Amino acid sequence: MAKSNAADTDQKLHLAGEIVETIQREGRQLIKVQLKQCTIEVDAGTLRETHLGDSITIDADMIVLTVRPTPQL
């Protein structure tokens, strides 16, 4: 697979999910979130020899910027 410049693939993700568990670990309180299905756009130039329906793995670093409740409709 060809590697692309990180600047070419930077994008904001908005991940929605449901809190399914609270955890105490090393003195920190954490929440476990079951993420809902989402889609993202990836530069096709980063993949070679792939077709619709193929499975891929996306490795990414993630920094959580904000966490907020989802408005109830």
PDB file of N, CA and C in Angstrom:
ATOM      1  N   MET A   1       0.833  -1.191   0.000  1.00  0.00           N
ATOM      2  CA  MET A   1       0.000   0.000   0.000  1.00  0.00           C
ATOM      3  C   MET A   1       0.874   1.249   0.000  1.00  0.00           C
ATOM      4  N   ALA A   2       0.466   2.231  -0.735  1.00  0.00           N
ATOM      5  CA  ALA A   2       1.207   3.487  -0.778  1.00  0.00           C
ATOM      6  C   ALA A   2       0.903   4.306   0.468  1.00  0.00           C
ATOM      7  N   LYS A   3       1.926   4.975   0.972  1.00  0.00           N
ATOM      8  CA  LYS A   3       1.713   5.861   2.114  1.00  0.00           C
ATOM      9  C   LYS A   3       1.434   7.255   1.595  1.00  0.00           C
ATOM     10  N   SER A   4       0.545   7.951   2.262  1.00  0.00           N
ATOM     11  CA  SER A   4       0.248   9.319   1.854  1.00  0.00           C
ATOM     12  C   SER A   4       0.712  10.272   2.932  1.00  0.00           C
ATOM     13  N   ASN A   5       0.832  11.515   2.568  1.00  0.00           N
ATOM     14  CA  ASN A   5       1.189  12.557   3.510  1.00  0.00           C
ATOM     15  C   ASN A   5       0.051  12.721   4.504  1.00  0.00           C
ATOM     16  N   ALA A   6       0.353  12.809   5.792  1.00  0.00           N
ATOM     17  CA  ALA A   6      -0.687  12.933   6.821  1.00  0.00           C
ATOM     18  C   ALA A   6      -1.594  14.129   6.553  1.00  0.00           C
ATOM     19  N   ALA A   7      -1.037  15.206   6.003  1.00  0.00           N
ATOM     20  CA  ALA A   7      -1.853  16.394   5.728  1.00  0.00           C
ATOM     21  C   ALA A   7      -2.933  16.090   4.699  1.00  0.00           C
ATOM     22  N   ASP A   8      -2.690  15.104   3.840  1.00  0.00           N
ATOM     23  CA  ASP A   8      -3.674  14.738   2.818  1.00  0.00           C
ATOM     24  C   ASP A   8      -4.860  13.976   3.407  1.00  0.00           C
ATOM     25  N   THR A   9      -4.687  13.379   4.593  1.00  0.00           N
ATOM     26  CA  THR A   9      -5.730  12.515   5.134  1.00  0.00           C
ATOM     27  C   THR A   9      -6.331  13.049   6.425  1.00  0.00           C
ATOM     28  N   ASP A  10      -5.896  14.201   6.901  1.00  0.00           N
ATOM     29  CA  ASP A  10      -6.467  14.773   8.122  1.00  0.00           C
ATOM     30  C   ASP A  10      -7.931  15.101   7.901  1.00  0.00           C
ATOM     31  N   GLN A  11      -8.776  14.669   8.834  1.00  0.00           N
ATOM     32  CA  GLN A  11     -10.182  15.018   8.771  1.00  0.00           C
ATOM     33  C   GLN A  11     -10.765  14.912  10.171  1.00  0.00           C
ATOM     34  N   LYS A  12     -11.802  15.696  10.404  1.00  0.00           N
ATOM     35  CA  LYS A  12     -12.500  15.646  11.689  1.00  0.00           C
ATOM     36  C   LYS A  12     -13.495  14.504  11.669  1.00  0.00           C
ATOM     37  N   LEU A  13     -13.514  13.737  12.739  1.00  0.00           N
ATOM     38  CA  LEU A  13     -14.491  12.666  12.885  1.00  0.00           C
ATOM     39  C   LEU A  13     -15.472  13.063  13.969  1.00  0.00           C
ATOM     40  N   HIS A  14     -16.726  12.821  13.739  1.00  0.00           N
ATOM     41  CA  HIS A  14     -17.769  13.034  14.729  1.00  0.00           C
ATOM     42  C   HIS A  14     -18.368  11.659  15.001  1.00  0.00           C
ATOM     43  N   LEU A  15     -17.972  11.062  16.110  1.00  0.00           N
ATOM     44  CA  LEU A  15     -18.385   9.701  16.425  1.00  0.00           C
ATOM     45  C   LEU A  15     -19.491   9.730  17.467  1.00  0.00           C
ATOM     46  N   ALA A  16     -20.608   9.108  17.160  1.00  0.00           N
ATOM     47  CA  ALA A  16     -21.727   9.036  18.093  1.00  0.00           C
ATOM     48  C   ALA A  16     -21.756   7.647  18.719  1.00  0.00           C
ATOM     49  N   GLY A  17     -22.205   7.569  19.949  1.00  0.00           N
ATOM     50  CA  GLY A  17     -22.284   6.273  20.596  1.00  0.00           C
ATOM     51  C   GLY A  17     -23.076   6.333  21.878  1.00  0.00           C
ATOM     52  N   GLU A  18     -23.151   5.195  22.546  1.00  0.00           N
ATOM     53  CA  GLU A  18     -23.909   5.053  23.787  1.00  0.00           C
ATOM     54  C   GLU A  18     -22.970   4.594  24.891  1.00  0.00           C
ATOM     55  N   ILE A  19     -23.071   5.210  26.062  1.00  0.00           N
ATOM     56  CA  ILE A  19     -22.275   4.790  27.217  1.00  0.00           C
ATOM     57  C   ILE A  19     -22.812   3.445  27.686  1.00  0.00           C
ATOM     58  N   VAL A  20     -21.935   2.434  27.732  1.00  0.00           N
ATOM     59  CA  VAL A  20     -22.369   1.093  28.112  1.00  0.00           C
ATOM     60  C   VAL A  20     -21.748   0.606  29.418  1.00  0.00           C
ATOM     61  N   GLU A  21     -20.736   1.334  29.929  1.00  0.00           N
ATOM     62  CA  GLU A  21     -20.083   0.901  31.160  1.00  0.00           C
ATOM     63  C   GLU A  21     -19.233   2.032  31.716  1.00  0.00           C
ATOM     64  N   THR A  22     -19.109   2.083  33.036  1.00  0.00           N
ATOM     65  CA  THR A  22     -18.152   2.988  33.675  1.00  0.00           C
ATOM     66  C   THR A  22     -17.071   2.121  34.312  1.00  0.00           C
ATOM     67  N   ILE A  23     -15.840   2.604  34.265  1.00  0.00           N
ATOM     68  CA  ILE A  23     -14.683   1.816  34.691  1.00  0.00           C
ATOM     69  C   ILE A  23     -13.786   2.678  35.580  1.00  0.00           C
ATOM     70  N   GLN A  24     -13.245   2.097  36.650  1.00  0.00           N
ATOM     71  CA  GLN A  24     -12.186   2.724  37.454  1.00  0.00           C
ATOM     72  C   GLN A  24     -10.891   2.041  37.069  1.00  0.00           C
ATOM     73  N   ARG A  25      -9.907   2.795  36.600  1.00  0.00           N
ATOM     74  CA  ARG A  25      -8.617   2.222  36.236  1.00  0.00           C
ATOM     75  C   ARG A  25      -7.506   3.175  36.641  1.00  0.00           C
ATOM     76  N   GLU A  26      -6.604   2.691  37.484  1.00  0.00           N
ATOM     77  CA  GLU A  26      -5.444   3.467  37.920  1.00  0.00           C
ATOM     78  C   GLU A  26      -5.859   4.839  38.455  1.00  0.00           C
ATOM     79  N   GLY A  27      -6.935   4.862  39.258  1.00  0.00           N
ATOM     80  CA  GLY A  27      -7.394   6.101  39.868  1.00  0.00           C
ATOM     81  C   GLY A  27      -8.178   7.015  38.941  1.00  0.00           C
ATOM     82  N   ARG A  28      -8.431   6.585  37.730  1.00  0.00           N
ATOM     83  CA  ARG A  28      -9.189   7.397  36.767  1.00  0.00           C
ATOM     84  C   ARG A  28     -10.543   6.761  36.533  1.00  0.00           C
ATOM     85  N   GLN A  29     -11.571   7.588  36.393  1.00  0.00           N
ATOM     86  CA  GLN A  29     -12.889   7.078  36.026  1.00  0.00           C
ATOM     87  C   GLN A  29     -13.051   7.221  34.525  1.00  0.00           C
ATOM     88  N   LEU A  30     -13.338   6.105  33.873  1.00  0.00           N
ATOM     89  CA  LEU A  30     -13.492   6.074  32.423  1.00  0.00           C
ATOM     90  C   LEU A  30     -14.892   5.603  32.073  1.00  0.00           C
ATOM     91  N   ILE A  31     -15.315   5.929  30.873  1.00  0.00           N
ATOM     92  CA  ILE A  31     -16.582   5.392  30.368  1.00  0.00           C
ATOM     93  C   ILE A  31     -16.283   4.577  29.119  1.00  0.00           C
ATOM     94  N   LYS A  32     -16.998   3.474  28.954  1.00  0.00           N
ATOM     95  CA  LYS A  32     -16.879   2.669  27.743  1.00  0.00           C
ATOM     96  C   LYS A  32     -18.037   3.065  26.840  1.00  0.00           C
ATOM     97  N   VAL A  33     -17.714   3.418  25.602  1.00  0.00           N
ATOM     98  CA  VAL A  33     -18.709   3.906  24.649  1.00  0.00           C
ATOM     99  C   VAL A  33     -18.804   2.928  23.482  1.00  0.00           C
ATOM    100  N   GLN A  34     -20.017   2.440  23.221  1.00  0.00           N
ATOM    101  CA  GLN A  34     -20.277   1.605  22.051  1.00  0.00           C
ATOM    102  C   GLN A  34     -20.579   2.545  20.893  1.00  0.00           C
ATOM    103  N   LEU A  35     -19.669   2.626  19.930  1.00  0.00           N
ATOM    104  CA  LEU A  35     -19.838   3.557  18.817  1.00  0.00           C
ATOM    105  C   LEU A  35     -20.863   3.039  17.824  1.00  0.00           C
ATOM    106  N   LYS A  36     -21.622   3.975  17.270  1.00  0.00           N
ATOM    107  CA  LYS A  36     -22.572   3.642  16.214  1.00  0.00           C
ATOM    108  C   LYS A  36     -21.818   3.571  14.894  1.00  0.00           C
ATOM    109  N   GLN A  37     -22.392   2.892  13.942  1.00  0.00           N
ATOM    110  CA  GLN A  37     -21.767   2.766  12.635  1.00  0.00           C
ATOM    111  C   GLN A  37     -21.634   4.144  11.992  1.00  0.00           C
ATOM    112  N   CYS A  38     -20.495   4.383  11.336  1.00  0.00           N
ATOM    113  CA  CYS A  38     -20.289   5.650  10.635  1.00  0.00           C
ATOM    114  C   CYS A  38     -19.492   5.377   9.369  1.00  0.00           C
ATOM    115  N   THR A  39     -19.401   6.360   8.503  1.00  0.00           N
ATOM    116  CA  THR A  39     -18.589   6.246   7.300  1.00  0.00           C
ATOM    117  C   THR A  39     -17.641   7.435   7.240  1.00  0.00           C
ATOM    118  N   ILE A  40     -16.491   7.228   6.618  1.00  0.00           N
ATOM    119  CA  ILE A  40     -15.542   8.315   6.399  1.00  0.00           C
ATOM    120  C   ILE A  40     -15.073   8.238   4.945  1.00  0.00           C
ATOM    121  N   GLU A  41     -14.530   9.324   4.456  1.00  0.00           N
ATOM    122  CA  GLU A  41     -13.971   9.355   3.110  1.00  0.00           C
ATOM    123  C   GLU A  41     -12.456   9.239   3.222  1.00  0.00           C
ATOM    124  N   VAL A  42     -11.881   8.356   2.419  1.00  0.00           N
ATOM    125  CA  VAL A  42     -10.439   8.129   2.410  1.00  0.00           C
ATOM    126  C   VAL A  42      -9.958   8.344   0.984  1.00  0.00           C
ATOM    127  N   ASP A  43      -8.826   9.026   0.827  1.00  0.00           N
ATOM    128  CA  ASP A  43      -8.257   9.257  -0.498  1.00  0.00           C
ATOM    129  C   ASP A  43      -8.001   7.914  -1.179  1.00  0.00           C
ATOM    130  N   ALA A  44      -8.614   7.686  -2.324  1.00  0.00           N
ATOM    131  CA  ALA A  44      -8.474   6.418  -3.038  1.00  0.00           C
ATOM    132  C   ALA A  44      -7.037   6.154  -3.454  1.00  0.00           C
ATOM    133  N   GLY A  45      -6.227   7.199  -3.557  1.00  0.00           N
ATOM    134  CA  GLY A  45      -4.826   7.024  -3.921  1.00  0.00           C
ATOM    135  C   GLY A  45      -4.017   6.307  -2.852  1.00  0.00           C
ATOM    136  N   THR A  46      -4.557   6.199  -1.634  1.00  0.00           N
ATOM    137  CA  THR A  46      -3.837   5.504  -0.564  1.00  0.00           C
ATOM    138  C   THR A  46      -4.027   3.994  -0.648  1.00  0.00           C
ATOM    139  N   LEU A  47      -4.937   3.531  -1.496  1.00  0.00           N
ATOM    140  CA  LEU A  47      -5.221   2.103  -1.636  1.00  0.00           C
ATOM    141  C   LEU A  47      -4.942   1.655  -3.066  1.00  0.00           C
ATOM    142  N   ARG A  48      -4.368   0.497  -3.203  1.00  0.00           N
ATOM    143  CA  ARG A  48      -4.113  -0.079  -4.522  1.00  0.00           C
ATOM    144  C   ARG A  48      -4.833  -1.421  -4.601  1.00  0.00           C
ATOM    145  N   GLU A  49      -5.358  -1.726  -5.754  1.00  0.00           N
ATOM    146  CA  GLU A  49      -5.966  -3.035  -5.988  1.00  0.00           C
ATOM    147  C   GLU A  49      -7.101  -3.350  -5.019  1.00  0.00           C
ATOM    148  N   THR A  50      -7.938  -2.375  -4.713  1.00  0.00           N
ATOM    149  CA  THR A  50      -9.107  -2.625  -3.868  1.00  0.00           C
ATOM    150  C   THR A  50     -10.368  -2.369  -4.671  1.00  0.00           C
ATOM    151  N   HIS A  51     -11.427  -3.006  -4.241  1.00  0.00           N
ATOM    152  CA  HIS A  51     -12.699  -2.909  -4.960  1.00  0.00           C
ATOM    153  C   HIS A  51     -13.832  -2.742  -3.966  1.00  0.00           C
ATOM    154  N   LEU A  52     -14.989  -2.323  -4.451  1.00  0.00           N
ATOM    155  CA  LEU A  52     -16.166  -2.208  -3.594  1.00  0.00           C
ATOM    156  C   LEU A  52     -16.396  -3.523  -2.872  1.00  0.00           C
ATOM    157  N   GLY A  53     -16.679  -3.438  -1.584  1.00  0.00           N
ATOM    158  CA  GLY A  53     -16.946  -4.629  -0.788  1.00  0.00           C
ATOM    159  C   GLY A  53     -15.713  -5.203  -0.109  1.00  0.00           C
ATOM    160  N   ASP A  54     -14.494  -4.795  -0.522  1.00  0.00           N
ATOM    161  CA  ASP A  54     -13.276  -5.278   0.141  1.00  0.00           C
ATOM    162  C   ASP A  54     -13.230  -4.765   1.569  1.00  0.00           C
ATOM    163  N   SER A  55     -12.664  -5.545   2.465  1.00  0.00           N
ATOM    164  CA  SER A  55     -12.457  -5.112   3.846  1.00  0.00           C
ATOM    165  C   SER A  55     -11.094  -4.456   3.955  1.00  0.00           C
ATOM    166  N   ILE A  56     -11.027  -3.366   4.695  1.00  0.00           N
ATOM    167  CA  ILE A  56      -9.756  -2.681   4.937  1.00  0.00           C
ATOM    168  C   ILE A  56      -9.635  -2.371   6.417  1.00  0.00           C
ATOM    169  N   THR A  57      -8.442  -2.066   6.854  1.00  0.00           N
ATOM    170  CA  THR A  57      -8.191  -1.621   8.217  1.00  0.00           C
ATOM    171  C   THR A  57      -7.602  -0.223   8.145  1.00  0.00           C
ATOM    172  N   ILE A  58      -8.115   0.679   8.958  1.00  0.00           N
ATOM    173  CA  ILE A  58      -7.602   2.042   9.031  1.00  0.00           C
ATOM    174  C   ILE A  58      -6.912   2.191  10.378  1.00  0.00           C
ATOM    175  N   ASP A  59      -5.614   2.449  10.363  1.00  0.00           N
ATOM    176  CA  ASP A  59      -4.869   2.719  11.587  1.00  0.00           C
ATOM    177  C   ASP A  59      -4.765   4.225  11.740  1.00  0.00           C
ATOM    178  N   ALA A  60      -5.149   4.737  12.902  1.00  0.00           N
ATOM    179  CA  ALA A  60      -5.152   6.177  13.107  1.00  0.00           C
ATOM    180  C   ALA A  60      -4.826   6.501  14.559  1.00  0.00           C
ATOM    181  N   ASP A  61      -4.255   7.655  14.775  1.00  0.00           N
ATOM    182  CA  ASP A  61      -4.095   8.198  16.117  1.00  0.00           C
ATOM    183  C   ASP A  61      -5.303   9.072  16.370  1.00  0.00           C
ATOM    184  N   MET A  62      -5.819   9.035  17.604  1.00  0.00           N
ATOM    185  CA  MET A  62      -7.006   9.817  17.904  1.00  0.00           C
ATOM    186  C   MET A  62      -6.775  10.634  19.165  1.00  0.00           C
ATOM    187  N   ILE A  63      -7.113  11.896  19.092  1.00  0.00           N
ATOM    188  CA  ILE A  63      -7.094  12.784  20.244  1.00  0.00           C
ATOM    189  C   ILE A  63      -8.529  13.228  20.471  1.00  0.00           C
ATOM    190  N   VAL A  64      -9.053  12.970  21.652  1.00  0.00           N
ATOM    191  CA  VAL A  64     -10.424  13.370  21.956  1.00  0.00           C
ATOM    192  C   VAL A  64     -10.415  14.855  22.294  1.00  0.00           C
ATOM    193  N   LEU A  65     -11.090  15.658  21.481  1.00  0.00           N
ATOM    194  CA  LEU A  65     -11.130  17.106  21.683  1.00  0.00           C
ATOM    195  C   LEU A  65     -12.256  17.511  22.623  1.00  0.00           C
ATOM    196  N   THR A  66     -13.448  16.987  22.403  1.00  0.00           N
ATOM    197  CA  THR A  66     -14.584  17.294  23.276  1.00  0.00           C
ATOM    198  C   THR A  66     -15.486  16.069  23.358  1.00  0.00           C
ATOM    199  N   VAL A  67     -16.210  15.984  24.450  1.00  0.00           N
ATOM    200  CA  VAL A  67     -17.246  14.967  24.625  1.00  0.00           C
ATOM    201  C   VAL A  67     -18.472  15.706  25.115  1.00  0.00           C
ATOM    202  N   ARG A  68     -19.616  15.471  24.461  1.00  0.00           N
ATOM    203  CA  ARG A  68     -20.831  16.165  24.866  1.00  0.00           C
ATOM    204  C   ARG A  68     -22.026  15.249  24.667  1.00  0.00           C
ATOM    205  N   PRO A  69     -23.089  15.458  25.436  1.00  0.00           N
ATOM    206  CA  PRO A  69     -24.299  14.652  25.243  1.00  0.00           C
ATOM    207  C   PRO A  69     -24.896  14.907  23.862  1.00  0.00           C
ATOM    208  N   THR A  70     -25.488  13.892  23.279  1.00  0.00           N
ATOM    209  CA  THR A  70     -26.190  14.035  22.015  1.00  0.00           C
ATOM    210  C   THR A  70     -27.592  14.558  22.324  1.00  0.00           C
ATOM    211  N   PRO A  71     -28.018  15.622  21.654  1.00  0.00           N
ATOM    212  CA  PRO A  71     -29.369  16.138  21.890  1.00  0.00           C
ATOM    213  C   PRO A  71     -30.426  15.074  21.608  1.00  0.00           C
ATOM    214  N   GLN A  72     -31.392  14.957  22.495  1.00  0.00           N
ATOM    215  CA  GLN A  72     -32.478  14.004  22.296  1.00  0.00           C
ATOM    216  C   GLN A  72     -33.542  14.631  21.402  1.00  0.00           C
ATOM    217  N   LEU A  73     -33.973  13.886  20.416  1.00  0.00           N
ATOM    218  CA  LEU A  73     -34.993  14.387  19.483  1.00  0.00           C
ATOM    219  C   LEU A  73     -36.361  13.934  19.902  1.00  0.00           C
TER     220      LEU A  73
END
